[in-house]
């Protein structure tokens, strides 16, 4: 397997508080890897470091063999990394169509953009039904589909998902999970998934890293971790 992302010995601070304490992880092309852990464990800080939204104190981040840390955020998107932020962050007074097209801001290939847009609408039929509506009129689950679609408009090689199940009705969580699996499979997109819903994250990923207070405390195959007593006790609420 070809290594896509190498995140090595990264330290990151918020003011004088440690957010990441020498964290290392790696992703290979085509994988779906989960980051699980409680709120404040440092999961989202990893995504912010990868996307250039937070400057790291030490360590290094490489993407496809090239140094990534220190690169401007817009350039990181051009290199093939897109993020779906926590809390959805829609443009509420813009239409679904315009929200989706915002994801293609780094692209200039009109035919390609149109093709990607059609692919997104095929994957998420609800968005096609609500194409001209303001984003603020969509349900939480529909907004989540829209922001995933917006990220796909950048044609990413690596898709970063920050808590996609947060605040979503249980039935739609299943729909979102199935969509993530299909995106990785059909579009050959590598996925790094941050989730507090550990069951969902472990069920759709191949590998996982468990985090606590800014450090990786356990890593392994997701199926194995699903039955690990430490993971059950800390993240899965006991027996499955």
C-alpha atoms as a PDB file:
ATOM      1  CA  UNK A   1       0.000   0.000   0.000  1.00  0.00           C
ATOM      2  CA  UNK A   2       1.156   3.531  -0.760  1.00  0.00           C
ATOM      3  CA  UNK A   3       1.436   5.831   2.233  1.00  0.00           C
ATOM      4  CA  UNK A   4      -0.631   8.964   1.700  1.00  0.00           C
ATOM      5  CA  UNK A   5      -0.359  10.843   4.999  1.00  0.00           C
ATOM      6  CA  UNK A   6       2.409  10.749   7.576  1.00  0.00           C
ATOM      7  CA  UNK A   7       1.720  12.715  10.759  1.00  0.00           C
ATOM      8  CA  UNK A   8       4.831  12.374  12.917  1.00  0.00           C
ATOM      9  CA  UNK A   9       5.579  13.465  16.490  1.00  0.00           C
ATOM     10  CA  UNK A  10       3.274  16.470  16.194  1.00  0.00           C
ATOM     11  CA  UNK A  11       2.882  18.880  19.086  1.00  0.00           C
ATOM     12  CA  UNK A  12       0.243  21.593  18.983  1.00  0.00           C
ATOM     13  CA  UNK A  13      -0.767  24.179  21.577  1.00  0.00           C
ATOM     14  CA  UNK A  14      -3.794  26.406  22.129  1.00  0.00           C
ATOM     15  CA  UNK A  15      -2.188  29.347  23.902  1.00  0.00           C
ATOM     16  CA  UNK A  16      -0.106  27.468  26.508  1.00  0.00           C
ATOM     17  CA  UNK A  17      -2.293  24.365  26.696  1.00  0.00           C
ATOM     18  CA  UNK A  18      -1.227  21.127  25.000  1.00  0.00           C
ATOM     19  CA  UNK A  19      -3.701  19.979  22.355  1.00  0.00           C
ATOM     20  CA  UNK A  20      -1.443  17.316  20.816  1.00  0.00           C
ATOM     21  CA  UNK A  21       1.487  15.734  22.640  1.00  0.00           C
ATOM     22  CA  UNK A  22       3.843  14.095  20.155  1.00  0.00           C
ATOM     23  CA  UNK A  23       1.086  12.428  18.126  1.00  0.00           C
ATOM     24  CA  UNK A  24       2.001  10.114  15.233  1.00  0.00           C
ATOM     25  CA  UNK A  25      -0.330   8.408  12.778  1.00  0.00           C
ATOM     26  CA  UNK A  26      -0.337   7.324   9.140  1.00  0.00           C
ATOM     27  CA  UNK A  27      -2.857   6.678   6.375  1.00  0.00           C
ATOM     28  CA  UNK A  28      -2.426   4.575   3.266  1.00  0.00           C
ATOM     29  CA  UNK A  29      -4.199   5.291   0.007  1.00  0.00           C
ATOM     30  CA  UNK A  30      -7.721   3.876  -0.089  1.00  0.00           C
ATOM     31  CA  UNK A  31      -8.091   3.398   3.667  1.00  0.00           C
ATOM     32  CA  UNK A  32     -10.809   4.661   5.957  1.00  0.00           C
ATOM     33  CA  UNK A  33      -9.188   5.364   9.321  1.00  0.00           C
ATOM     34  CA  UNK A  34     -11.082   6.481  12.426  1.00  0.00           C
ATOM     35  CA  UNK A  35     -10.006   8.727  15.281  1.00  0.00           C
ATOM     36  CA  UNK A  36     -12.096   7.975  18.351  1.00  0.00           C
ATOM     37  CA  UNK A  37     -12.097   9.436  21.831  1.00  0.00           C
ATOM     38  CA  UNK A  38     -13.943  11.764  24.167  1.00  0.00           C
ATOM     39  CA  UNK A  39     -14.585  15.426  23.472  1.00  0.00           C
ATOM     40  CA  UNK A  40     -11.354  17.381  23.965  1.00  0.00           C
ATOM     41  CA  UNK A  41      -9.088  14.384  23.320  1.00  0.00           C
ATOM     42  CA  UNK A  42      -7.367  16.141  20.408  1.00  0.00           C
ATOM     43  CA  UNK A  43      -9.104  14.494  17.458  1.00  0.00           C
ATOM     44  CA  UNK A  44     -10.240  17.711  15.772  1.00  0.00           C
ATOM     45  CA  UNK A  45      -6.839  19.294  16.448  1.00  0.00           C
ATOM     46  CA  UNK A  46      -5.284  16.669  14.178  1.00  0.00           C
ATOM     47  CA  UNK A  47      -7.610  17.718  11.352  1.00  0.00           C
ATOM     48  CA  UNK A  48      -6.877  21.410  11.932  1.00  0.00           C
ATOM     49  CA  UNK A  49      -3.147  20.693  11.803  1.00  0.00           C
ATOM     50  CA  UNK A  50      -3.481  18.736   8.545  1.00  0.00           C
ATOM     51  CA  UNK A  51      -5.543  21.478   6.878  1.00  0.00           C
ATOM     52  CA  UNK A  52      -3.268  24.297   7.999  1.00  0.00           C
ATOM     53  CA  UNK A  53      -5.896  25.904  10.224  1.00  0.00           C
ATOM     54  CA  UNK A  54      -3.565  25.488  13.214  1.00  0.00           C
ATOM     55  CA  UNK A  55       0.198  25.838  13.151  1.00  0.00           C
ATOM     56  CA  UNK A  56       2.049  22.963  14.771  1.00  0.00           C
ATOM     57  CA  UNK A  57       4.752  23.586  17.372  1.00  0.00           C
ATOM     58  CA  UNK A  58       6.963  20.659  16.347  1.00  0.00           C
ATOM     59  CA  UNK A  59       6.914  17.451  14.354  1.00  0.00           C
ATOM     60  CA  UNK A  60       6.070  17.081  10.672  1.00  0.00           C
ATOM     61  CA  UNK A  61       3.162  16.344   8.350  1.00  0.00           C
ATOM     62  CA  UNK A  62       3.762  14.832   4.902  1.00  0.00           C
ATOM     63  CA  UNK A  63       1.155  14.240   2.187  1.00  0.00           C
ATOM     64  CA  UNK A  64       2.113  12.026  -0.758  1.00  0.00           C
ATOM     65  CA  UNK A  65       5.741  12.371   0.267  1.00  0.00           C
ATOM     66  CA  UNK A  66       5.741  16.182   0.333  1.00  0.00           C
ATOM     67  CA  UNK A  67       5.946  18.347   3.448  1.00  0.00           C
ATOM     68  CA  UNK A  68       2.526  19.774   4.282  1.00  0.00           C
ATOM     69  CA  UNK A  69       2.916  21.707   7.540  1.00  0.00           C
ATOM     70  CA  UNK A  70       3.504  25.382   6.877  1.00  0.00           C
ATOM     71  CA  UNK A  71       1.539  25.254   3.611  1.00  0.00           C
ATOM     72  CA  UNK A  72      -1.334  27.793   3.253  1.00  0.00           C
ATOM     73  CA  UNK A  73      -4.790  26.277   3.737  1.00  0.00           C
ATOM     74  CA  UNK A  74      -5.995  27.089   0.194  1.00  0.00           C
ATOM     75  CA  UNK A  75      -2.933  25.360  -1.283  1.00  0.00           C
ATOM     76  CA  UNK A  76      -3.644  22.293   0.867  1.00  0.00           C
ATOM     77  CA  UNK A  77      -7.106  22.051  -0.733  1.00  0.00           C
ATOM     78  CA  UNK A  78      -5.491  22.258  -4.183  1.00  0.00           C
ATOM     79  CA  UNK A  79      -3.186  19.389  -3.262  1.00  0.00           C
ATOM     80  CA  UNK A  80      -6.224  17.190  -2.728  1.00  0.00           C
ATOM     81  CA  UNK A  81      -7.343  17.474   0.894  1.00  0.00           C
ATOM     82  CA  UNK A  82     -10.870  18.558   1.824  1.00  0.00           C
ATOM     83  CA  UNK A  83     -12.499  18.778   5.243  1.00  0.00           C
ATOM     84  CA  UNK A  84     -16.091  18.529   6.426  1.00  0.00           C
ATOM     85  CA  UNK A  85     -16.000  20.658   9.592  1.00  0.00           C
ATOM     86  CA  UNK A  86     -17.746  19.907  12.864  1.00  0.00           C
ATOM     87  CA  UNK A  87     -21.135  21.589  13.136  1.00  0.00           C
ATOM     88  CA  UNK A  88     -21.639  21.621   9.347  1.00  0.00           C
ATOM     89  CA  UNK A  89     -20.866  25.329   8.762  1.00  0.00           C
ATOM     90  CA  UNK A  90     -23.304  25.900   5.915  1.00  0.00           C
ATOM     91  CA  UNK A  91     -23.901  29.208   4.147  1.00  0.00           C
ATOM     92  CA  UNK A  92     -27.484  29.511   5.478  1.00  0.00           C
ATOM     93  CA  UNK A  93     -28.892  32.112   3.071  1.00  0.00           C
ATOM     94  CA  UNK A  94     -27.388  30.563  -0.045  1.00  0.00           C
ATOM     95  CA  UNK A  95     -29.091  27.811  -2.029  1.00  0.00           C
ATOM     96  CA  UNK A  96     -28.076  24.180  -1.894  1.00  0.00           C
ATOM     97  CA  UNK A  97     -26.661  24.616  -5.402  1.00  0.00           C
ATOM     98  CA  UNK A  98     -24.472  27.576  -4.417  1.00  0.00           C
ATOM     99  CA  UNK A  99     -23.317  25.870  -1.213  1.00  0.00           C
ATOM    100  CA  UNK A 100     -22.160  22.897  -3.262  1.00  0.00           C
ATOM    101  CA  UNK A 101     -20.419  25.061  -5.849  1.00  0.00           C
ATOM    102  CA  UNK A 102     -18.462  26.812  -3.086  1.00  0.00           C
ATOM    103  CA  UNK A 103     -16.594  23.529  -2.703  1.00  0.00           C
ATOM    104  CA  UNK A 104     -15.183  23.899  -6.214  1.00  0.00           C
ATOM    105  CA  UNK A 105     -13.600  27.308  -5.584  1.00  0.00           C
ATOM    106  CA  UNK A 106     -10.089  26.039  -6.390  1.00  0.00           C
ATOM    107  CA  UNK A 107     -11.189  24.539  -9.714  1.00  0.00           C
ATOM    108  CA  UNK A 108     -11.604  26.161 -13.133  1.00  0.00           C
ATOM    109  CA  UNK A 109     -12.642  23.153 -15.266  1.00  0.00           C
ATOM    110  CA  UNK A 110     -16.308  23.958 -15.932  1.00  0.00           C
ATOM    111  CA  UNK A 111     -17.142  20.614 -17.535  1.00  0.00           C
ATOM    112  CA  UNK A 112     -15.440  18.752 -14.689  1.00  0.00           C
ATOM    113  CA  UNK A 113     -17.262  20.812 -12.059  1.00  0.00           C
ATOM    114  CA  UNK A 114     -20.603  20.077 -13.745  1.00  0.00           C
ATOM    115  CA  UNK A 115     -19.773  16.363 -13.828  1.00  0.00           C
ATOM    116  CA  UNK A 116     -18.796  16.315 -10.145  1.00  0.00           C
ATOM    117  CA  UNK A 117     -21.965  18.233  -9.233  1.00  0.00           C
ATOM    118  CA  UNK A 118     -24.114  15.679 -11.049  1.00  0.00           C
ATOM    119  CA  UNK A 119     -22.277  12.878  -9.233  1.00  0.00           C
ATOM    120  CA  UNK A 120     -22.929  14.521  -5.847  1.00  0.00           C
ATOM    121  CA  UNK A 121     -26.637  14.976  -6.619  1.00  0.00           C
ATOM    122  CA  UNK A 122     -26.883  11.344  -7.716  1.00  0.00           C
ATOM    123  CA  UNK A 123     -25.244  10.226  -4.471  1.00  0.00           C
ATOM    124  CA  UNK A 124     -27.506  12.461  -2.340  1.00  0.00           C
ATOM    125  CA  UNK A 125     -30.938  12.565  -4.053  1.00  0.00           C
ATOM    126  CA  UNK A 126     -32.392  14.723  -1.259  1.00  0.00           C
ATOM    127  CA  UNK A 127     -30.071  17.531  -2.317  1.00  0.00           C
ATOM    128  CA  UNK A 128     -31.414  17.315  -5.855  1.00  0.00           C
ATOM    129  CA  UNK A 129     -34.952  17.625  -4.484  1.00  0.00           C
ATOM    130  CA  UNK A 130     -33.947  20.733  -2.498  1.00  0.00           C
ATOM    131  CA  UNK A 131     -31.522  22.150  -5.043  1.00  0.00           C
ATOM    132  CA  UNK A 132     -32.929  25.686  -5.096  1.00  0.00           C
ATOM    133  CA  UNK A 133     -33.811  25.944  -1.396  1.00  0.00           C
ATOM    134  CA  UNK A 134     -31.884  27.990   1.138  1.00  0.00           C
ATOM    135  CA  UNK A 135     -29.524  25.830   3.136  1.00  0.00           C
ATOM    136  CA  UNK A 136     -31.105  27.032   6.399  1.00  0.00           C
ATOM    137  CA  UNK A 137     -34.354  25.245   5.486  1.00  0.00           C
ATOM    138  CA  UNK A 138     -32.703  21.802   5.404  1.00  0.00           C
ATOM    139  CA  UNK A 139     -32.754  19.362   8.306  1.00  0.00           C
ATOM    140  CA  UNK A 140     -29.527  18.648  10.182  1.00  0.00           C
ATOM    141  CA  UNK A 141     -29.027  15.401   8.291  1.00  0.00           C
ATOM    142  CA  UNK A 142     -29.651  17.056   4.935  1.00  0.00           C
ATOM    143  CA  UNK A 143     -27.190  19.822   5.794  1.00  0.00           C
ATOM    144  CA  UNK A 144     -24.600  17.168   6.651  1.00  0.00           C
ATOM    145  CA  UNK A 145     -25.128  15.524   3.275  1.00  0.00           C
ATOM    146  CA  UNK A 146     -24.700  18.937   1.668  1.00  0.00           C
ATOM    147  CA  UNK A 147     -21.396  19.737   3.371  1.00  0.00           C
ATOM    148  CA  UNK A 148     -20.040  16.286   2.499  1.00  0.00           C
ATOM    149  CA  UNK A 149     -21.114  16.976  -1.074  1.00  0.00           C
ATOM    150  CA  UNK A 150     -19.470  20.398  -0.895  1.00  0.00           C
ATOM    151  CA  UNK A 151     -16.180  18.773   0.130  1.00  0.00           C
ATOM    152  CA  UNK A 152     -16.471  16.268  -2.726  1.00  0.00           C
ATOM    153  CA  UNK A 153     -16.791  19.169  -5.174  1.00  0.00           C
ATOM    154  CA  UNK A 154     -13.058  19.799  -4.606  1.00  0.00           C
ATOM    155  CA  UNK A 155     -12.349  16.273  -5.938  1.00  0.00           C
ATOM    156  CA  UNK A 156     -10.239  15.374  -2.900  1.00  0.00           C
ATOM    157  CA  UNK A 157      -7.846  12.466  -2.620  1.00  0.00           C
ATOM    158  CA  UNK A 158      -8.129  12.684   1.170  1.00  0.00           C
ATOM    159  CA  UNK A 159     -11.438  13.514   2.866  1.00  0.00           C
ATOM    160  CA  UNK A 160     -11.379  14.633   6.500  1.00  0.00           C
ATOM    161  CA  UNK A 161     -14.671  14.259   8.373  1.00  0.00           C
ATOM    162  CA  UNK A 162     -15.096  15.963  11.745  1.00  0.00           C
ATOM    163  CA  UNK A 163     -17.979  14.457  13.768  1.00  0.00           C
ATOM    164  CA  UNK A 164     -20.381  13.853  10.837  1.00  0.00           C
ATOM    165  CA  UNK A 165     -22.943  12.147  13.105  1.00  0.00           C
ATOM    166  CA  UNK A 166     -23.115  15.014  15.618  1.00  0.00           C
ATOM    167  CA  UNK A 167     -26.683  16.228  16.136  1.00  0.00           C
ATOM    168  CA  UNK A 168     -28.093  13.933  13.452  1.00  0.00           C
ATOM    169  CA  UNK A 169     -31.187  11.729  13.863  1.00  0.00           C
ATOM    170  CA  UNK A 170     -30.229   8.051  14.341  1.00  0.00           C
ATOM    171  CA  UNK A 171     -31.732   6.913  11.013  1.00  0.00           C
ATOM    172  CA  UNK A 172     -29.804   9.567   9.108  1.00  0.00           C
ATOM    173  CA  UNK A 173     -26.599   8.602  10.939  1.00  0.00           C
ATOM    174  CA  UNK A 174     -26.917   5.239   9.189  1.00  0.00           C
ATOM    175  CA  UNK A 175     -27.416   6.997   5.852  1.00  0.00           C
ATOM    176  CA  UNK A 176     -24.327   9.150   6.442  1.00  0.00           C
ATOM    177  CA  UNK A 177     -22.282   6.084   7.422  1.00  0.00           C
ATOM    178  CA  UNK A 178     -23.346   4.245   4.255  1.00  0.00           C
ATOM    179  CA  UNK A 179     -22.487   7.315   2.179  1.00  0.00           C
ATOM    180  CA  UNK A 180     -18.972   7.470   3.665  1.00  0.00           C
ATOM    181  CA  UNK A 181     -18.389   3.800   2.811  1.00  0.00           C
ATOM    182  CA  UNK A 182     -19.680   4.319  -0.737  1.00  0.00           C
ATOM    183  CA  UNK A 183     -17.588   7.453  -1.317  1.00  0.00           C
ATOM    184  CA  UNK A 184     -14.411   5.668  -0.270  1.00  0.00           C
ATOM    185  CA  UNK A 185     -15.243   2.606  -2.391  1.00  0.00           C
ATOM    186  CA  UNK A 186     -16.640   4.239  -5.532  1.00  0.00           C
ATOM    187  CA  UNK A 187     -14.509   7.344  -5.781  1.00  0.00           C
ATOM    188  CA  UNK A 188     -11.285   5.886  -4.386  1.00  0.00           C
ATOM    189  CA  UNK A 189     -11.121   8.598  -1.722  1.00  0.00           C
ATOM    190  CA  UNK A 190      -9.051   8.021   1.417  1.00  0.00           C
ATOM    191  CA  UNK A 191     -11.014   8.978   4.567  1.00  0.00           C
ATOM    192  CA  UNK A 192      -9.896  10.155   8.001  1.00  0.00           C
ATOM    193  CA  UNK A 193     -12.974  10.082  10.235  1.00  0.00           C
ATOM    194  CA  UNK A 194     -13.180  11.854  13.603  1.00  0.00           C
ATOM    195  CA  UNK A 195     -16.100  10.535  15.661  1.00  0.00           C
ATOM    196  CA  UNK A 196     -17.404  10.373  19.207  1.00  0.00           C
ATOM    197  CA  UNK A 197     -19.860   7.752  17.932  1.00  0.00           C
ATOM    198  CA  UNK A 198     -17.238   5.029  18.289  1.00  0.00           C
ATOM    199  CA  UNK A 199     -19.496   2.190  17.240  1.00  0.00           C
ATOM    200  CA  UNK A 200     -20.259   3.832  13.920  1.00  0.00           C
ATOM    201  CA  UNK A 201     -16.642   4.852  13.362  1.00  0.00           C
ATOM    202  CA  UNK A 202     -15.254   1.379  14.065  1.00  0.00           C
ATOM    203  CA  UNK A 203     -17.925  -0.315  11.953  1.00  0.00           C
ATOM    204  CA  UNK A 204     -17.014   1.564   8.746  1.00  0.00           C
ATOM    205  CA  UNK A 205     -13.236   1.960   9.126  1.00  0.00           C
ATOM    206  CA  UNK A 206     -10.386  -0.460   8.529  1.00  0.00           C
ATOM    207  CA  UNK A 207      -8.103   0.910  11.259  1.00  0.00           C
ATOM    208  CA  UNK A 208      -8.520   3.259  14.197  1.00  0.00           C
ATOM    209  CA  UNK A 209      -6.586   5.365  16.671  1.00  0.00           C
ATOM    210  CA  UNK A 210      -8.037   5.895  20.136  1.00  0.00           C
ATOM    211  CA  UNK A 211      -7.121   9.210  21.746  1.00  0.00           C
ATOM    212  CA  UNK A 212      -7.106  10.646  25.243  1.00  0.00           C
ATOM    213  CA  UNK A 213      -5.940  14.100  26.382  1.00  0.00           C
ATOM    214  CA  UNK A 214      -3.849  14.878  23.329  1.00  0.00           C
ATOM    215  CA  UNK A 215      -2.199  11.480  22.891  1.00  0.00           C
ATOM    216  CA  UNK A 216      -2.813   8.261  20.979  1.00  0.00           C
ATOM    217  CA  UNK A 217      -3.405   5.560  23.599  1.00  0.00           C
ATOM    218  CA  UNK A 218      -4.341   2.623  21.404  1.00  0.00           C
ATOM    219  CA  UNK A 219      -4.304   1.732  17.712  1.00  0.00           C
ATOM    220  CA  UNK A 220      -5.191  -1.306  15.646  1.00  0.00           C
ATOM    221  CA  UNK A 221      -7.642  -2.889  13.219  1.00  0.00           C
ATOM    222  CA  UNK A 222     -11.143  -1.576  13.801  1.00  0.00           C
ATOM    223  CA  UNK A 223     -12.695  -5.044  14.076  1.00  0.00           C
ATOM    224  CA  UNK A 224     -10.208  -5.977  16.779  1.00  0.00           C
ATOM    225  CA  UNK A 225     -10.714  -2.718  18.657  1.00  0.00           C
ATOM    226  CA  UNK A 226     -14.489  -3.227  18.591  1.00  0.00           C
ATOM    227  CA  UNK A 227     -13.949  -6.221  20.886  1.00  0.00           C
ATOM    228  CA  UNK A 228     -11.070  -4.814  22.930  1.00  0.00           C
ATOM    229  CA  UNK A 229     -12.117  -4.598  26.580  1.00  0.00           C
ATOM    230  CA  UNK A 230     -10.356  -1.258  27.048  1.00  0.00           C
ATOM    231  CA  UNK A 231     -12.207   0.255  24.088  1.00  0.00           C
ATOM    232  CA  UNK A 232     -15.519  -1.219  25.252  1.00  0.00           C
ATOM    233  CA  UNK A 233     -15.084   0.258  28.712  1.00  0.00           C
ATOM    234  CA  UNK A 234     -13.862   3.681  27.615  1.00  0.00           C
ATOM    235  CA  UNK A 235     -15.805   4.359  24.411  1.00  0.00           C
ATOM    236  CA  UNK A 236     -18.531   1.793  23.779  1.00  0.00           C
ATOM    237  CA  UNK A 237     -20.351   1.801  27.098  1.00  0.00           C
ATOM    238  CA  UNK A 238     -19.748  -1.808  27.989  1.00  0.00           C
ATOM    239  CA  UNK A 239     -20.785  -4.894  26.068  1.00  0.00           C
ATOM    240  CA  UNK A 240     -21.765  -4.650  22.407  1.00  0.00           C
END
